[in-house]
């Protein structure tokens, strides 16, 4: 079985690259651009939960809050 070659996209702004090493281990480089975090959060939440229409304002607020916190805390060591 061959690994996918090159960069593979998960969603806009999020990609990964798989690389097989000589000792049969796999290295994964995961790249999230600044605009990919809210899209990834949206996809993750919808994969694990079932939302009703009245849950969406709170969901959008939570994703926005965590995205902004992630953007400001990302540069700190």
Protein backbone atom coordinates (compact mmCIF):
# COMPACT_ATOMS: atom_id res chain seq x y z
CA UNK A 1 0.00 0.00 0.00
CA UNK A 2 1.36 3.40 -0.99
CA UNK A 3 0.99 6.59 1.00
CA UNK A 4 -0.60 9.59 -0.69
CA UNK A 5 2.19 11.59 -2.29
CA UNK A 6 2.62 15.29 -1.69
CA UNK A 7 0.46 17.63 0.31
CA UNK A 8 -3.10 16.47 0.98
CA UNK A 9 -5.82 18.98 1.82
CA UNK A 10 -8.32 18.32 4.62
CA UNK A 11 -10.27 21.56 4.26
CA UNK A 12 -9.43 25.14 3.20
CA UNK A 13 -6.32 26.23 5.09
CA UNK A 14 -5.54 22.79 6.57
CA UNK A 15 -3.23 20.25 4.95
CA UNK A 16 -0.90 17.40 5.83
CA UNK A 17 2.02 15.56 4.28
CA UNK A 18 2.82 11.91 5.01
CA UNK A 19 6.36 10.65 4.64
CA UNK A 20 7.54 7.08 5.14
CA UNK A 21 10.89 6.67 6.88
CA UNK A 22 13.41 3.90 6.32
CA UNK A 23 12.55 2.23 9.65
CA UNK A 24 8.88 1.79 8.52
CA UNK A 25 7.66 4.66 10.65
CA UNK A 26 5.55 7.48 9.28
CA UNK A 27 6.14 11.21 9.72
CA UNK A 28 3.14 13.52 9.45
CA UNK A 29 3.53 17.25 8.88
CA UNK A 30 0.26 18.99 9.80
CA UNK A 31 -0.11 22.56 8.55
CA UNK A 32 -2.93 24.86 9.71
CA UNK A 33 -2.98 28.34 8.20
CA UNK A 34 -4.49 31.28 10.09
CA UNK A 35 -7.80 31.01 8.24
CA UNK A 36 -8.05 27.21 8.49
CA UNK A 37 -8.68 26.92 12.22
CA UNK A 38 -12.40 27.92 12.21
CA UNK A 39 -13.10 25.64 9.22
CA UNK A 40 -11.39 22.72 10.96
CA UNK A 41 -13.29 23.41 14.19
CA UNK A 42 -16.60 23.53 12.27
CA UNK A 43 -15.89 20.18 10.57
CA UNK A 44 -14.77 18.55 13.83
CA UNK A 45 -17.84 19.66 15.77
CA UNK A 46 -20.20 18.43 13.06
CA UNK A 47 -18.44 15.06 12.85
CA UNK A 48 -18.99 14.30 16.54
CA UNK A 49 -22.32 16.00 17.35
CA UNK A 50 -25.79 16.52 15.91
CA UNK A 51 -26.93 20.14 16.17
CA UNK A 52 -30.40 21.64 15.97
CA UNK A 53 -31.02 24.98 14.26
CA UNK A 54 -31.21 26.86 17.57
CA UNK A 55 -27.73 25.66 18.64
CA UNK A 56 -25.94 27.44 15.78
CA UNK A 57 -25.65 30.95 17.31
CA UNK A 58 -23.86 29.51 20.35
CA UNK A 59 -21.73 27.25 18.13
CA UNK A 60 -20.64 30.16 15.92
CA UNK A 61 -19.85 32.24 19.01
CA UNK A 62 -17.76 29.43 20.56
CA UNK A 63 -15.79 28.82 17.36
CA UNK A 64 -15.16 32.57 16.96
CA UNK A 65 -14.06 32.92 20.58
CA UNK A 66 -11.68 29.96 20.47
CA UNK A 67 -10.32 31.01 17.07
CA UNK A 68 -9.49 34.50 18.31
CA UNK A 69 -7.89 33.10 21.48
CA UNK A 70 -5.88 30.66 19.34
CA UNK A 71 -4.69 33.48 17.07
CA UNK A 72 -3.52 35.62 19.99
CA UNK A 73 -1.92 32.79 22.00
CA UNK A 74 -0.23 31.10 19.02
CA UNK A 75 2.73 33.48 19.00
CA UNK A 76 3.44 33.08 22.70
CA UNK A 77 6.03 30.43 23.47
